[in-house]
Amino acid sequence: MLLNSAPAKTAKPAAKSAAAKPNALQQPLKPSAELGAIVGTSPLPRGEVVSKVWEYIKKHNLQNPENKREIVADDKLKKVFGKDKCSMFEMNKHLAAHLKA
C-alpha cells in the first residue's frame, strides 16, 4: 500500500505582492553628495549601495591588511564615515546616515 505524498506547494499570494512593492532593502534611496562621490548620485537600493562601497574599498585597497574587518578611509570615505577607520560592521550605520528616501 502506497501512502499519498504531500500535496505540491503552490506559490504564496504574498510573494506576488512583495515583488510588486519593494521592501525596505529594495527601496531606492538618494545618496548624499559625499556618498554620491563613491556610488553615483542616482537613487539606489541599500544593498546596491553597500555593494558599490565594497567595490570601491577593494579597488582602492582600503582594508587593513592585518585586520580585514577594518576599513582605512581615504579622503572620500572620511567624508562618509566621519573618521579615519571604521569596522565593516559599523559601516552600514554610517552609510544609512547618508541615504534619504
N, C-alpha and C. Protein backbone atom coordinates (compact mmCIF):
# COMPACT_ATOMS: atom_id res chain seq x y z
N MET A 1 0.84 -1.17 0.00
CA MET A 1 0.00 0.00 0.00
C MET A 1 0.89 1.25 0.00
N LEU A 2 0.63 2.16 -0.91
CA LEU A 2 1.40 3.39 -1.02
C LEU A 2 0.69 4.51 -0.28
N LEU A 3 1.50 5.31 0.39
CA LEU A 3 0.95 6.48 1.07
C LEU A 3 0.96 7.66 0.11
N ASN A 4 -0.06 8.50 0.26
CA ASN A 4 -0.09 9.70 -0.57
C ASN A 4 1.05 10.62 -0.18
N SER A 5 1.73 11.17 -1.16
CA SER A 5 2.78 12.14 -0.85
C SER A 5 2.12 13.48 -0.53
N ALA A 6 2.86 14.33 0.09
CA ALA A 6 2.32 15.64 0.47
C ALA A 6 1.93 16.39 -0.80
N PRO A 7 0.85 17.16 -0.74
CA PRO A 7 0.43 17.90 -1.92
C PRO A 7 1.51 18.92 -2.32
N ALA A 8 1.59 19.17 -3.60
CA ALA A 8 2.58 20.13 -4.10
C ALA A 8 2.27 21.51 -3.53
N LYS A 9 3.32 22.21 -3.14
CA LYS A 9 3.13 23.56 -2.60
C LYS A 9 2.90 24.52 -3.75
N THR A 10 1.98 25.43 -3.52
CA THR A 10 1.70 26.44 -4.53
C THR A 10 2.33 27.76 -4.12
N ALA A 11 2.48 28.64 -5.07
CA ALA A 11 3.08 29.94 -4.79
C ALA A 11 2.18 30.71 -3.83
N LYS A 12 2.80 31.36 -2.89
CA LYS A 12 2.04 32.15 -1.92
C LYS A 12 1.63 33.47 -2.57
N PRO A 13 0.40 33.92 -2.34
CA PRO A 13 -0.02 35.20 -2.92
C PRO A 13 0.82 36.36 -2.39
N ALA A 14 1.33 36.27 -1.17
CA ALA A 14 2.13 37.35 -0.61
C ALA A 14 3.41 37.56 -1.41
N ALA A 15 3.94 36.51 -1.99
CA ALA A 15 5.17 36.63 -2.78
C ALA A 15 4.94 37.51 -4.00
N LYS A 16 3.77 37.42 -4.61
CA LYS A 16 3.47 38.24 -5.77
C LYS A 16 3.38 39.71 -5.40
N SER A 17 2.73 40.01 -4.29
CA SER A 17 2.60 41.40 -3.88
C SER A 17 3.94 41.96 -3.41
N ALA A 18 4.80 41.12 -2.85
CA ALA A 18 6.12 41.57 -2.42
C ALA A 18 6.97 41.96 -3.62
N ALA A 19 6.79 41.27 -4.73
CA ALA A 19 7.55 41.61 -5.94
C ALA A 19 7.06 42.93 -6.51
N ALA A 20 5.79 43.22 -6.36
CA ALA A 20 5.23 44.46 -6.89
C ALA A 20 5.65 45.66 -6.05
N LYS A 21 5.72 45.50 -4.75
CA LYS A 21 6.09 46.60 -3.85
C LYS A 21 7.44 46.29 -3.21
N PRO A 22 8.48 47.10 -3.44
CA PRO A 22 9.79 46.81 -2.88
C PRO A 22 9.79 46.92 -1.35
N ASN A 23 10.52 46.02 -0.70
CA ASN A 23 10.65 46.11 0.75
C ASN A 23 11.70 47.17 1.10
N ALA A 24 11.98 47.34 2.37
CA ALA A 24 12.88 48.40 2.81
C ALA A 24 14.28 48.27 2.20
N LEU A 25 14.76 47.06 2.00
CA LEU A 25 16.10 46.88 1.43
C LEU A 25 16.12 47.12 -0.07
N GLN A 26 14.97 47.04 -0.72
CA GLN A 26 14.91 47.23 -2.17
C GLN A 26 14.48 48.65 -2.55
N GLN A 27 14.07 49.44 -1.58
CA GLN A 27 13.59 50.80 -1.83
C GLN A 27 14.75 51.67 -2.31
N PRO A 28 14.63 52.29 -3.49
CA PRO A 28 15.71 53.18 -3.95
C PRO A 28 15.85 54.39 -3.04
N LEU A 29 17.08 54.69 -2.63
CA LEU A 29 17.36 55.80 -1.75
C LEU A 29 18.34 56.75 -2.42
N LYS A 30 18.22 58.04 -2.14
CA LYS A 30 19.09 59.05 -2.73
C LYS A 30 20.32 59.23 -1.86
N PRO A 31 21.52 59.00 -2.41
CA PRO A 31 22.74 59.20 -1.62
C PRO A 31 23.07 60.68 -1.46
N SER A 32 23.74 61.02 -0.36
CA SER A 32 24.20 62.38 -0.14
C SER A 32 25.30 62.69 -1.14
N ALA A 33 25.73 63.94 -1.21
CA ALA A 33 26.79 64.34 -2.14
C ALA A 33 28.08 63.60 -1.81
N GLU A 34 28.37 63.43 -0.51
CA GLU A 34 29.60 62.75 -0.09
C GLU A 34 29.58 61.28 -0.53
N LEU A 35 28.46 60.59 -0.30
CA LEU A 35 28.35 59.19 -0.69
C LEU A 35 28.22 59.07 -2.20
N GLY A 36 27.58 60.06 -2.83
CA GLY A 36 27.42 60.07 -4.27
C GLY A 36 28.75 60.10 -5.01
N ALA A 37 29.78 60.65 -4.39
CA ALA A 37 31.11 60.68 -5.00
C ALA A 37 31.68 59.27 -5.16
N ILE A 38 31.15 58.32 -4.39
CA ILE A 38 31.62 56.93 -4.43
C ILE A 38 30.69 56.05 -5.25
N VAL A 39 29.38 56.17 -5.02
CA VAL A 39 28.41 55.25 -5.64
C VAL A 39 27.61 55.86 -6.78
N GLY A 40 27.76 57.15 -7.02
CA GLY A 40 26.95 57.82 -8.03
C GLY A 40 25.78 58.53 -7.37
N THR A 41 25.17 59.44 -8.11
CA THR A 41 24.14 60.29 -7.49
C THR A 41 22.71 59.81 -7.72
N SER A 42 22.51 58.79 -8.54
CA SER A 42 21.15 58.31 -8.79
C SER A 42 20.67 57.43 -7.63
N PRO A 43 19.34 57.41 -7.37
CA PRO A 43 18.81 56.59 -6.28
C PRO A 43 19.11 55.10 -6.50
N LEU A 44 19.53 54.44 -5.42
CA LEU A 44 19.88 53.02 -5.45
C LEU A 44 19.30 52.31 -4.24
N PRO A 45 18.98 51.01 -4.36
CA PRO A 45 18.60 50.24 -3.18
C PRO A 45 19.79 50.12 -2.22
N ARG A 46 19.51 49.99 -0.95
CA ARG A 46 20.55 49.92 0.08
C ARG A 46 21.58 48.84 -0.22
N GLY A 47 21.14 47.68 -0.66
CA GLY A 47 22.05 46.58 -0.96
C GLY A 47 23.04 46.93 -2.06
N GLU A 48 22.56 47.65 -3.08
CA GLU A 48 23.46 48.07 -4.16
C GLU A 48 24.47 49.10 -3.68
N VAL A 49 24.04 49.99 -2.79
CA VAL A 49 24.95 50.99 -2.23
C VAL A 49 26.08 50.29 -1.49
N VAL A 50 25.73 49.32 -0.65
CA VAL A 50 26.74 48.59 0.11
C VAL A 50 27.69 47.85 -0.84
N SER A 51 27.15 47.24 -1.89
CA SER A 51 27.99 46.53 -2.87
C SER A 51 28.96 47.47 -3.56
N LYS A 52 28.47 48.65 -3.96
CA LYS A 52 29.33 49.61 -4.64
C LYS A 52 30.40 50.17 -3.71
N VAL A 53 30.07 50.37 -2.43
CA VAL A 53 31.07 50.84 -1.48
C VAL A 53 32.15 49.77 -1.31
N TRP A 54 31.74 48.49 -1.23
CA TRP A 54 32.73 47.41 -1.12
C TRP A 54 33.60 47.33 -2.37
N GLU A 55 33.01 47.52 -3.55
CA GLU A 55 33.81 47.56 -4.78
C GLU A 55 34.86 48.65 -4.69
N TYR A 56 34.46 49.82 -4.21
CA TYR A 56 35.37 50.96 -4.06
C TYR A 56 36.49 50.63 -3.07
N ILE A 57 36.11 50.02 -1.94
CA ILE A 57 37.09 49.67 -0.91
C ILE A 57 38.12 48.69 -1.47
N LYS A 58 37.66 47.68 -2.17
CA LYS A 58 38.58 46.66 -2.71
C LYS A 58 39.42 47.22 -3.86
N LYS A 59 38.81 48.05 -4.71
CA LYS A 59 39.54 48.64 -5.84
C LYS A 59 40.68 49.52 -5.36
N HIS A 60 40.45 50.26 -4.27
CA HIS A 60 41.46 51.18 -3.75
C HIS A 60 42.26 50.59 -2.59
N ASN A 61 42.10 49.28 -2.34
CA ASN A 61 42.87 48.57 -1.32
C ASN A 61 42.79 49.28 0.03
N LEU A 62 41.58 49.47 0.53
CA LEU A 62 41.37 50.23 1.77
C LEU A 62 41.12 49.37 3.00
N GLN A 63 41.22 48.04 2.86
CA GLN A 63 41.09 47.18 4.03
C GLN A 63 42.44 47.09 4.72
N ASN A 64 42.42 47.12 6.04
CA ASN A 64 43.64 46.95 6.82
C ASN A 64 44.18 45.54 6.55
N PRO A 65 45.41 45.41 6.05
CA PRO A 65 45.93 44.07 5.72
C PRO A 65 46.06 43.15 6.94
N GLU A 66 46.23 43.72 8.13
CA GLU A 66 46.37 42.92 9.35
C GLU A 66 45.02 42.54 9.94
N ASN A 67 44.00 43.33 9.66
CA ASN A 67 42.65 43.08 10.16
C ASN A 67 41.67 43.44 9.06
N LYS A 68 41.27 42.46 8.25
CA LYS A 68 40.43 42.70 7.08
C LYS A 68 39.06 43.28 7.43
N ARG A 69 38.67 43.19 8.70
CA ARG A 69 37.37 43.74 9.11
C ARG A 69 37.42 45.25 9.29
N GLU A 70 38.62 45.81 9.25
CA GLU A 70 38.79 47.24 9.45
C GLU A 70 39.02 47.93 8.11
N ILE A 71 38.33 49.04 7.89
CA ILE A 71 38.45 49.81 6.67
C ILE A 71 39.21 51.09 7.00
N VAL A 72 40.28 51.32 6.27
CA VAL A 72 41.07 52.55 6.43
C VAL A 72 40.56 53.53 5.38
N ALA A 73 39.92 54.60 5.84
CA ALA A 73 39.23 55.52 4.94
C ALA A 73 40.21 56.42 4.20
N ASP A 74 39.94 56.62 2.89
CA ASP A 74 40.65 57.64 2.13
C ASP A 74 39.85 58.93 2.27
N ASP A 75 40.20 59.96 1.50
CA ASP A 75 39.53 61.26 1.65
C ASP A 75 38.03 61.17 1.40
N LYS A 76 37.61 60.42 0.37
CA LYS A 76 36.18 60.31 0.06
C LYS A 76 35.43 59.57 1.16
N LEU A 77 35.99 58.46 1.66
CA LEU A 77 35.31 57.69 2.71
C LEU A 77 35.32 58.42 4.06
N LYS A 78 36.33 59.24 4.32
CA LYS A 78 36.36 60.01 5.57
C LYS A 78 35.15 60.92 5.66
N LYS A 79 34.71 61.46 4.50
CA LYS A 79 33.54 62.34 4.49
C LYS A 79 32.26 61.56 4.82
N VAL A 80 32.24 60.27 4.47
CA VAL A 80 31.07 59.44 4.75
C VAL A 80 31.13 58.89 6.17
N PHE A 81 32.29 58.37 6.58
CA PHE A 81 32.43 57.74 7.90
C PHE A 81 32.61 58.77 9.01
N GLY A 82 33.20 59.91 8.69
CA GLY A 82 33.46 60.92 9.72
C GLY A 82 34.68 60.61 10.56
N LYS A 83 35.48 59.62 10.16
CA LYS A 83 36.70 59.27 10.88
C LYS A 83 37.64 58.50 9.97
N ASP A 84 38.86 58.26 10.46
CA ASP A 84 39.91 57.63 9.64
C ASP A 84 39.72 56.14 9.44
N LYS A 85 39.17 55.45 10.45
CA LYS A 85 38.99 54.00 10.38
C LYS A 85 37.57 53.64 10.79
N CYS A 86 37.12 52.51 10.29
CA CYS A 86 35.76 52.06 10.57
C CYS A 86 35.74 50.55 10.43
N SER A 87 35.01 49.86 11.29
CA SER A 87 34.88 48.41 11.12
C SER A 87 33.80 48.16 10.06
N MET A 88 33.90 47.01 9.43
CA MET A 88 32.91 46.69 8.39
C MET A 88 31.51 46.57 8.99
N PHE A 89 31.42 46.32 10.29
CA PHE A 89 30.12 46.18 10.94
C PHE A 89 29.45 47.53 11.20
N GLU A 90 30.24 48.56 11.49
CA GLU A 90 29.66 49.88 11.72
C GLU A 90 29.53 50.68 10.43
N MET A 91 30.06 50.18 9.34
CA MET A 91 29.98 50.88 8.06
C MET A 91 28.54 51.15 7.66
N ASN A 92 27.65 50.17 7.84
CA ASN A 92 26.24 50.33 7.44
C ASN A 92 25.56 51.46 8.21
N LYS A 93 25.96 51.66 9.47
CA LYS A 93 25.38 52.75 10.26
C LYS A 93 25.76 54.09 9.63
N HIS A 94 27.01 54.22 9.20
CA HIS A 94 27.46 55.45 8.57
C HIS A 94 26.81 55.66 7.21
N LEU A 95 26.64 54.57 6.46
CA LEU A 95 26.01 54.68 5.15
C LEU A 95 24.54 55.11 5.29
N ALA A 96 23.85 54.58 6.29
CA ALA A 96 22.45 54.91 6.49
C ALA A 96 22.25 56.41 6.73
N ALA A 97 23.22 57.05 7.38
CA ALA A 97 23.13 58.48 7.64
C ALA A 97 23.23 59.30 6.35
N HIS A 98 23.73 58.70 5.27
CA HIS A 98 23.92 59.40 4.01
C HIS A 98 22.91 58.98 2.94
N LEU A 99 21.86 58.25 3.35
CA LEU A 99 20.82 57.82 2.40
C LEU A 99 19.47 58.41 2.82
N LYS A 100 18.78 59.02 1.85
CA LYS A 100 17.47 59.63 2.11
C LYS A 100 16.43 58.99 1.20
N ALA A 101 15.22 58.83 1.71
CA ALA A 101 14.13 58.24 0.92
C ALA A 101 13.63 59.18 -0.15
